[in-house]
C-alpha cells in the first residue's frame, strides 16, 4: 500500500541569485530519471526592502515519483543528517506531514544536506498522522537510521 499522499517542494530565488541555478539546485534533489519531468510554478513576491523574490513550488502526486524522491533523499543524505532528523523528529512532523529543509547551495553542487536558512523546503504528506507509522515508513525507505 502506498503511504504518501503527496510531496510539496518549494524554494525562493532572491534578486541576487540566478533563477536557473536555483531551479537546477532544486532539480538535483530529484532522481535523475525524473528531474527533467518536474516543473515549478512561479509567484513574484517583494522582499522587505522592495527587492524581487520569486517563490517556486511543485507538488508531486504521482506515487512512483514521490517514493523515488524519498528514496533518492535517503541515498544522498549523509548519515549525520539522518541522525539529526531522527533526534529532532517531533520538530519535523506535524499532523501527518514531515518537513525537511535542504541546503540550496549544496543541492546545486549535487550534495544533499539539512539546513535552516534559505532552504529548499520539502513537505511530505503521509496518509497517516501517526508519528510512529511515519517513523517506520521513513526507516523502511532509509531516510531515518
Protein backbone atom coordinates (compact mmCIF):
# COMPACT_ATOMS: atom_id res chain seq x y z
CA UNK A 1 0.00 0.00 0.00
CA UNK A 2 1.20 3.49 -0.86
CA UNK A 3 1.85 5.55 2.27
CA UNK A 4 2.50 9.00 0.77
CA UNK A 5 -0.33 11.30 -0.34
CA UNK A 6 1.88 13.92 -1.98
CA UNK A 7 5.13 15.87 -1.68
CA UNK A 8 5.40 19.65 -1.99
CA UNK A 9 8.76 21.12 -2.93
CA UNK A 10 9.21 24.89 -2.64
CA UNK A 11 12.03 27.42 -2.54
CA UNK A 12 12.83 31.09 -3.07
CA UNK A 13 15.08 32.76 -5.61
CA UNK A 14 16.28 36.12 -4.33
CA UNK A 15 17.16 39.02 -6.62
CA UNK A 16 20.86 38.31 -6.02
CA UNK A 17 20.52 34.69 -7.25
CA UNK A 18 20.37 33.35 -10.79
CA UNK A 19 16.97 31.70 -11.15
CA UNK A 20 18.28 28.97 -13.47
CA UNK A 21 20.88 27.93 -10.88
CA UNK A 22 18.30 27.85 -8.10
CA UNK A 23 15.99 25.70 -10.26
CA UNK A 24 18.94 23.42 -11.10
CA UNK A 25 19.65 23.05 -7.37
CA UNK A 26 16.03 22.04 -6.72
CA UNK A 27 16.03 19.57 -9.61
CA UNK A 28 19.17 17.98 -8.14
CA UNK A 29 17.14 16.70 -5.19
CA UNK A 30 15.15 14.50 -7.59
CA UNK A 31 16.35 11.21 -9.04
CA UNK A 32 17.97 11.83 -12.45
CA UNK A 33 15.21 9.96 -14.30
CA UNK A 34 12.59 12.44 -13.01
CA UNK A 35 14.48 15.74 -12.70
CA UNK A 36 13.64 16.91 -16.25
CA UNK A 37 9.96 16.00 -15.82
CA UNK A 38 9.49 18.35 -12.86
CA UNK A 39 8.22 21.88 -13.45
CA UNK A 40 7.71 24.62 -10.90
CA UNK A 41 5.05 27.31 -10.69
CA UNK A 42 6.37 30.83 -10.04
CA UNK A 43 4.98 33.65 -7.95
CA UNK A 44 6.61 37.08 -7.76
CA UNK A 45 6.96 38.49 -4.27
CA UNK A 46 8.50 41.64 -2.83
CA UNK A 47 11.12 41.47 -0.11
CA UNK A 48 11.26 43.70 2.96
CA UNK A 49 13.30 46.29 1.05
CA UNK A 50 11.31 46.07 -2.19
CA UNK A 51 13.63 43.55 -3.77
CA UNK A 52 12.11 40.93 -6.07
CA UNK A 53 11.80 37.39 -4.76
CA UNK A 54 10.46 34.50 -6.84
CA UNK A 55 8.63 31.72 -4.98
CA UNK A 56 8.82 28.37 -6.76
CA UNK A 57 6.61 25.40 -5.96
CA UNK A 58 5.66 21.99 -7.29
CA UNK A 59 3.51 19.20 -5.94
CA UNK A 60 4.31 15.56 -6.62
CA UNK A 61 1.19 13.40 -6.54
CA UNK A 62 2.45 10.54 -8.73
CA UNK A 63 3.23 7.74 -6.21
CA UNK A 64 6.22 6.38 -8.14
CA UNK A 65 7.89 9.80 -8.34
CA UNK A 66 7.11 10.62 -4.68
CA UNK A 67 8.55 7.34 -3.41
CA UNK A 68 11.52 7.63 -5.75
CA UNK A 69 12.21 11.15 -4.44
CA UNK A 70 12.25 9.95 -0.83
CA UNK A 71 14.46 7.00 -1.73
CA UNK A 72 16.84 9.36 -3.56
CA UNK A 73 16.94 11.65 -0.50
CA UNK A 74 17.70 8.68 1.72
CA UNK A 75 20.59 7.62 -0.52
CA UNK A 76 22.11 11.11 -0.80
CA UNK A 77 21.54 12.48 2.71
CA UNK A 78 24.58 11.94 4.98
CA UNK A 79 24.06 9.66 7.98
CA UNK A 80 24.80 12.55 10.38
CA UNK A 81 21.82 14.43 8.89
CA UNK A 82 19.59 11.35 9.14
CA UNK A 83 20.54 11.02 12.81
CA UNK A 84 19.80 14.72 13.33
CA UNK A 85 16.41 14.27 11.67
CA UNK A 86 15.61 11.31 13.93
CA UNK A 87 16.82 13.11 17.07
CA UNK A 88 14.54 16.07 16.35
CA UNK A 89 11.73 14.20 14.59
CA UNK A 90 8.92 15.77 16.67
CA UNK A 91 10.04 19.17 15.33
CA UNK A 92 9.81 17.86 11.74
CA UNK A 93 6.48 16.00 11.96
CA UNK A 94 3.10 17.64 12.42
CA UNK A 95 -0.38 16.22 11.72
CA UNK A 96 0.75 13.60 9.21
CA UNK A 97 3.36 15.75 7.50
CA UNK A 98 7.15 15.55 7.51
CA UNK A 99 9.05 18.79 6.90
CA UNK A 100 12.63 18.74 5.62
CA UNK A 101 14.81 21.71 4.71
CA UNK A 102 17.74 21.18 2.36
CA UNK A 103 20.68 23.46 1.70
CA UNK A 104 20.21 25.15 -1.70
CA UNK A 105 23.93 25.75 -2.28
CA UNK A 106 24.84 22.13 -1.52
CA UNK A 107 21.99 20.87 -3.71
CA UNK A 108 23.36 22.92 -6.60
CA UNK A 109 26.66 21.07 -6.12
CA UNK A 110 24.79 17.75 -6.18
CA UNK A 111 25.03 17.13 -2.44
CA UNK A 112 22.09 16.98 -0.06
CA UNK A 113 22.40 18.42 3.44
CA UNK A 114 19.90 19.62 6.01
CA UNK A 115 19.87 23.34 6.78
CA UNK A 116 17.72 26.02 8.35
CA UNK A 117 18.37 29.21 6.38
CA UNK A 118 17.09 29.86 2.83
CA UNK A 119 16.34 26.18 2.13
CA UNK A 120 14.64 24.02 -0.43
CA UNK A 121 11.57 23.00 1.56
CA UNK A 122 10.15 19.51 1.29
CA UNK A 123 6.74 18.78 2.75
CA UNK A 124 5.83 15.08 2.69
CA UNK A 125 2.16 14.41 3.38
CA UNK A 126 1.55 10.88 4.60
CA UNK A 127 -1.75 9.02 4.58
CA UNK A 128 -1.45 8.64 8.35
CA UNK A 129 -0.94 11.13 11.14
CA UNK A 130 0.60 8.53 13.50
CA UNK A 131 4.19 9.64 14.16
CA UNK A 132 5.30 6.04 14.79
CA UNK A 133 3.95 4.92 11.39
CA UNK A 134 5.67 7.87 9.73
CA UNK A 135 8.91 7.00 11.53
CA UNK A 136 8.66 3.36 10.38
CA UNK A 137 7.94 4.38 6.79
CA UNK A 138 10.95 6.72 6.82
CA UNK A 139 13.11 3.96 8.31
CA UNK A 140 11.94 1.47 5.66
CA UNK A 141 12.89 3.96 2.92
CA UNK A 142 16.24 4.66 4.62
CA UNK A 143 15.56 8.30 5.46
CA UNK A 144 15.99 7.56 9.17
CA UNK A 145 18.59 5.31 10.80
